[in-house]
Protein backbone atom coordinates (compact mmCIF):
# COMPACT_ATOMS: atom_id res chain seq x y z
CA MET A 1 -7.05 -0.84 -3.96
CA ASN A 2 -8.96 1.04 -5.95
CA ILE A 3 -11.24 -1.78 -7.57
CA ARG A 4 -11.33 -0.02 -11.40
CA THR A 5 -7.21 -0.89 -10.83
CA LEU A 6 -6.89 -4.16 -10.03
CA ILE A 7 -9.56 -5.17 -12.40
CA SER A 8 -7.92 -3.41 -15.25
CA SER A 9 -3.75 -4.87 -14.01
CA LEU A 10 -5.26 -8.14 -13.59
CA GLN A 11 -7.42 -8.17 -16.85
CA ILE A 12 -10.60 -9.04 -14.42
CA GLN A 13 -13.59 -9.99 -15.99
CA ALA A 14 -15.80 -11.29 -13.36
CA ALA A 15 -16.54 -10.99 -9.41
CA ILE A 16 -17.68 -13.63 -7.26
CA PHE A 17 -19.52 -12.96 -4.23
CA ASP A 18 -20.05 -15.19 -0.61
CA LEU A 19 -23.34 -14.79 1.08
CA ASP A 20 -22.87 -14.56 4.79
CA GLY A 21 -20.92 -11.77 6.00
CA THR A 22 -19.81 -10.42 2.19
CA LEU A 23 -23.05 -9.37 1.15
CA VAL A 24 -24.20 -8.77 4.97
CA ASP A 25 -22.28 -8.40 7.53
CA ASN A 26 -24.70 -11.27 9.66
CA ASN A 27 -22.36 -14.35 10.89
CA ALA A 28 -23.53 -13.11 14.67
CA TYR A 29 -27.44 -13.99 13.43
CA HIS A 30 -25.94 -17.31 12.85
CA LEU A 31 -24.55 -17.65 15.70
CA ALA A 32 -26.39 -15.79 18.21
CA SER A 33 -30.21 -18.22 16.35
CA TRP A 34 -27.74 -22.26 16.10
CA ARG A 35 -27.39 -21.27 19.28
CA LYS A 36 -31.64 -20.42 19.88
CA TYR A 37 -32.05 -23.53 17.79
CA LEU A 38 -30.05 -25.62 19.90
CA GLU A 39 -31.16 -24.70 24.09
CA GLU A 40 -33.60 -27.27 23.38
CA LYS A 41 -31.42 -29.03 22.27
CA LYS A 42 -29.00 -29.18 25.78
CA ILE A 43 -26.69 -28.46 23.50
CA ASP A 44 -23.88 -24.96 23.00
CA ILE A 45 -21.60 -24.25 21.07
CA SER A 46 -18.68 -21.37 21.50
CA GLU A 47 -17.84 -19.14 18.95
CA GLU A 48 -14.49 -19.54 19.03
CA ASN A 49 -15.70 -23.11 17.57
CA TYR A 50 -18.03 -21.71 15.55
CA ARG A 51 -15.84 -19.93 13.24
CA ARG A 52 -13.89 -22.98 12.93
CA TYR A 53 -16.41 -25.76 11.76
CA ILE A 54 -19.29 -24.15 10.82
CA ASN A 55 -18.56 -20.73 9.48
CA GLY A 56 -18.08 -20.42 6.11
CA ARG A 57 -19.33 -24.28 5.17
CA THR A 58 -21.90 -25.97 4.13
CA ASN A 59 -25.44 -26.61 6.36
CA LYS A 60 -24.44 -30.63 6.35
CA ASP A 61 -20.96 -30.28 7.47
CA ALA A 62 -21.75 -28.09 9.89
CA ILE A 63 -25.27 -30.13 11.37
CA GLU A 64 -22.76 -33.22 10.80
CA TYR A 65 -19.91 -31.33 13.37
CA ILE A 66 -22.80 -30.44 15.90
CA TYR A 67 -24.60 -33.80 16.01
CA GLN A 68 -20.57 -35.45 15.81
CA ARG A 69 -22.15 -38.13 13.32
CA LYS A 70 -22.31 -38.37 9.89
CA MET A 71 -26.06 -37.94 8.24
CA SER A 72 -27.58 -38.47 4.53
CA ASP A 73 -28.07 -35.30 2.71
CA GLU A 74 -31.87 -35.75 3.36
CA GLU A 75 -31.43 -35.95 7.04
CA ALA A 76 -29.22 -33.07 7.48
CA MET A 77 -31.24 -30.89 5.84
CA VAL A 78 -34.32 -30.71 8.03
CA TYR A 79 -32.27 -29.53 10.43
CA ALA A 80 -30.70 -27.42 8.98
CA LEU A 81 -33.44 -26.44 7.49
CA GLU A 82 -34.77 -25.16 11.30
CA LYS A 83 -32.16 -23.55 11.92
CA GLU A 84 -32.50 -21.25 8.99
CA ALA A 85 -35.87 -19.90 10.17
CA VAL A 86 -34.59 -19.49 13.03
CA TYR A 87 -32.20 -17.36 11.76
CA ARG A 88 -34.01 -15.67 9.53
CA LYS A 89 -36.82 -15.14 11.92
CA MET A 90 -34.31 -13.10 13.66
CA TYR A 91 -32.37 -11.77 10.77
CA ALA A 92 -35.31 -9.96 9.10
CA PRO A 93 -35.87 -6.33 10.76
CA TYR A 94 -31.72 -6.19 10.59
CA ILE A 95 -30.68 -7.18 7.64
CA LYS A 96 -28.47 -4.70 5.53
CA PRO A 97 -26.52 -5.04 2.29
CA VAL A 98 -22.48 -4.67 3.36
CA ASN A 99 -21.24 -0.79 3.03
CA GLY A 100 -20.52 0.35 -0.26
CA LEU A 101 -22.21 -3.06 -2.10
CA ILE A 102 -24.48 -1.56 -4.00
CA PRO A 103 -22.23 0.97 -5.69
CA LEU A 104 -18.80 -1.85 -5.96
CA LEU A 105 -21.80 -4.09 -7.57
CA THR A 106 -23.19 -0.20 -10.06
CA LEU A 107 -19.80 -0.67 -10.44
CA LEU A 108 -18.43 -3.90 -11.34
CA GLN A 109 -21.86 -3.87 -13.90
CA SER A 110 -21.12 -1.08 -15.61
CA SER A 111 -17.30 -2.54 -16.57
CA GLY A 112 -19.21 -5.05 -18.04
CA ILE A 113 -17.64 -7.36 -15.62
CA LYS A 114 -19.71 -10.35 -14.72
CA ILE A 115 -21.26 -10.89 -11.02
CA GLY A 116 -21.77 -14.35 -9.56
CA MET A 117 -21.75 -15.72 -5.97
CA ALA A 118 -20.66 -18.45 -4.89
CA THR A 119 -21.97 -19.85 -1.45
CA SER A 120 -22.61 -22.37 1.00
CA GLY A 121 -26.17 -21.60 2.32
CA VAL A 122 -29.01 -23.12 1.30
CA PRO A 123 -31.80 -21.73 -1.54
CA VAL A 124 -34.85 -20.50 0.68
CA ASN A 125 -31.69 -18.07 2.47
CA ILE A 126 -30.47 -16.93 -1.26
CA GLU A 127 -34.31 -15.72 -1.23
CA PHE A 128 -34.42 -14.44 1.59
CA LEU A 129 -31.61 -12.31 0.69
CA PHE A 130 -33.50 -10.16 -2.83
CA GLU A 131 -36.30 -10.52 -1.07
CA HIS A 132 -34.39 -7.63 1.45
CA ILE A 133 -32.20 -6.56 -0.39
CA PRO A 134 -33.00 -5.45 -4.12
CA ILE A 135 -29.65 -6.93 -6.05
CA LYS A 136 -30.92 -9.73 -7.55
CA ASP A 137 -30.29 -8.11 -11.33
CA TYR A 138 -26.74 -8.25 -10.45
CA PHE A 139 -26.00 -11.52 -10.55
CA THR A 140 -25.86 -13.80 -13.34
CA ALA A 141 -25.07 -17.11 -11.37
CA ILE A 142 -25.34 -18.02 -8.54
CA ILE A 143 -23.37 -20.96 -6.87
CA HIS A 144 -25.02 -22.54 -3.75
CA SER A 145 -24.90 -25.79 -1.95
CA GLN A 146 -26.69 -27.88 -3.04
CA HIS A 147 -24.48 -28.21 -6.49
CA ILE A 148 -21.49 -29.05 -4.36
CA THR A 149 -20.64 -32.38 -3.70
CA LYS A 150 -17.18 -30.90 -1.49
CA GLY A 151 -18.04 -27.38 0.49
CA LYS A 152 -15.66 -24.78 1.39
CA PRO A 153 -12.36 -25.24 2.12
CA ASP A 154 -12.55 -27.25 -0.95
CA ALA A 155 -11.95 -25.53 -4.42
CA GLU A 156 -15.12 -26.99 -6.57
CA ILE A 157 -17.78 -24.29 -5.91
CA TYR A 158 -15.10 -21.44 -7.48
CA ARG A 159 -14.54 -23.40 -10.13
CA LYS A 160 -18.22 -24.50 -10.73
CA ALA A 161 -19.18 -20.33 -10.43
CA ALA A 162 -16.13 -20.03 -13.31
CA GLU A 163 -17.37 -22.06 -15.13
CA GLU A 164 -21.12 -20.11 -15.22
CA LEU A 165 -19.77 -17.62 -15.98
CA GLN A 166 -17.92 -18.90 -18.71
CA VAL A 167 -14.79 -16.93 -16.99
CA ALA A 168 -11.35 -18.73 -16.55
CA PRO A 169 -10.84 -18.64 -12.50
CA LYS A 170 -7.50 -16.45 -13.33
CA TYR A 171 -9.41 -13.62 -14.76
CA CYS A 172 -11.91 -13.89 -11.37
CA ILE A 173 -12.31 -11.36 -8.06
CA ALA A 174 -13.09 -14.07 -5.27
CA PHE A 175 -14.82 -11.48 -2.63
CA GLU A 176 -14.96 -13.45 0.51
CA ASP A 177 -14.81 -13.14 5.00
CA ALA A 178 -14.31 -16.39 6.45
CA ALA A 179 -10.68 -18.56 6.05
CA VAL A 180 -12.22 -21.42 4.57
CA GLY A 181 -13.72 -19.51 2.29
CA VAL A 182 -10.67 -17.73 0.75
CA SER A 183 -9.31 -21.16 0.71
CA SER A 184 -11.62 -22.02 -0.94
CA ALA A 185 -11.31 -19.41 -3.56
CA LYS A 186 -7.50 -19.70 -3.50
CA SER A 187 -6.98 -22.60 -5.03
CA ALA A 188 -9.22 -22.55 -7.47
CA GLY A 189 -6.86 -19.91 -8.20
CA MET A 190 -8.68 -16.23 -8.00
CA TYR A 191 -7.66 -13.21 -6.45
CA THR A 192 -9.02 -13.02 -3.43
CA ILE A 193 -10.35 -10.65 -1.11
CA ALA A 194 -11.60 -10.84 2.02
CA LEU A 195 -13.56 -8.43 4.08
CA LEU A 196 -12.66 -7.92 8.39
CA THR A 197 -17.31 -8.76 9.24
CA THR A 198 -15.98 -11.84 10.57
CA GLN A 199 -12.38 -12.99 11.52
CA THR A 200 -9.49 -10.99 12.28
CA GLN A 201 -7.15 -10.04 9.83
CA GLU A 202 -4.30 -12.67 11.56
CA GLU A 203 -7.24 -15.34 10.33
CA LEU A 204 -7.12 -13.84 6.90
CA THR A 205 -3.77 -13.78 5.78
CA ALA A 206 -3.83 -16.24 2.45
CA ALA A 207 -6.22 -13.34 0.43
CA ASP A 208 -4.62 -11.54 -1.93
CA LEU A 209 -6.13 -7.81 -0.39
CA ILE A 210 -8.08 -8.18 3.06
CA ILE A 211 -9.80 -4.76 3.28
CA LYS A 212 -13.39 -3.35 6.03
CA ASP A 213 -15.70 -2.56 3.74
CA PHE A 214 -16.66 -2.30 -0.25
CA THR A 215 -16.31 1.29 -0.12
CA GLU A 216 -12.44 1.45 0.05
CA LEU A 217 -12.51 -0.06 -3.13
CA TYR A 218 -13.31 3.25 -4.69
């Protein structure tokens, strides 16, 4: 499906992107960094459980799942930031945008489409992204884990992104890679496009459109 056709037919005014697995194909590095971080704690996590309980969710939700107990925001963030430091060190030599991302952002911006981000990640990882991939100026709204009380699949993060962009959800396209993210965006009332960077087509059937990468949109 051509993105210009979608914009016209759906009267799209805004595009909202998840970060991990959507702007960058990095979930293999997140899984590897979780495993490295947990080695010394003698905790292991399978790829299946990572995809089911961690991918797409907030760091607090992930940490509580790992340690199997509820925590305060402050306690969970201590653990989360330790893990994210491992991730950034591991991923820095390899970071690059998903194929077709920058031409798509340029096309959206030149078409007058507002661009936002809705990520369950932490601010330091957002800055890490922008330090390595020069796309910060495309985004006029960034909603992250510290802006929300409920993580994906709850619709809160996409609703807040739409509010920040001052566009009704029905006029937004959301880009996601995880089933929980697709559920979040769909529940907010957005047309949702899923990328096959992290999960299978069968796992992403709730999306309105499934693509391998952004080059399929133009």
